[in-house]
């Protein structure tokens, strides 16, 4: 049997400096019981997490343009991973941290012309040494986390048209993802970055 108790508080504060600018900060703690037990028959400690965020929300006077800027820090401990030695079992290994920066912009930059932009920088790494769940190797503090790109960006431009009573839209978008670690414990295996280009369109024959 196992009995765990924890608080998971969330706090936030927003300061509206002007009608077009506001600043905010938030803090939260997470708690999730880990079910099961390891190879030795010992039940797992719960998973705990903390997150901090501070940012700003900006808009134009006519509210047609909006932007958000934020920086954040997230921490997680008692993360369950596959036991590299005892197949079919899990183990609680290490702690991880993720910190980064995010920017989002959206709005009507001209009549019936809308632009959406976003960018995120993420630095995710091991903060307490643990075992690599794939190869049973030691993951020292500072090791990158698997499959998390440091840079991601998106852009989408959409134009609207009127054709009689119908409404048409056409646009083009692009997504960029930088390289990322392909397997933990072996930094030489890195998945390359890539860019996707997409076309979008819609037709509304009437209201």
Foldseek 3Di string as FASTA:
>chain_A
DDDDDDDWDKDKDKAPPDPFKIKMKIKTKDWAADDDAFPVRHGFDIKIKIKIKIWMWGADPVRQKIKIKMKMKMKMAQDWAAAQPDHPGIGRWAIKMKIWIKMWMWGAPDVQKIKIKIKMFIFMWTQPWTAFRHHRHIGHGPFGDFPAFRMKMKMKIKGWDDDPQKIKIKIKMKIKTAKGQHGPPDRVRIRGIDMDMDIDMDMDPHD
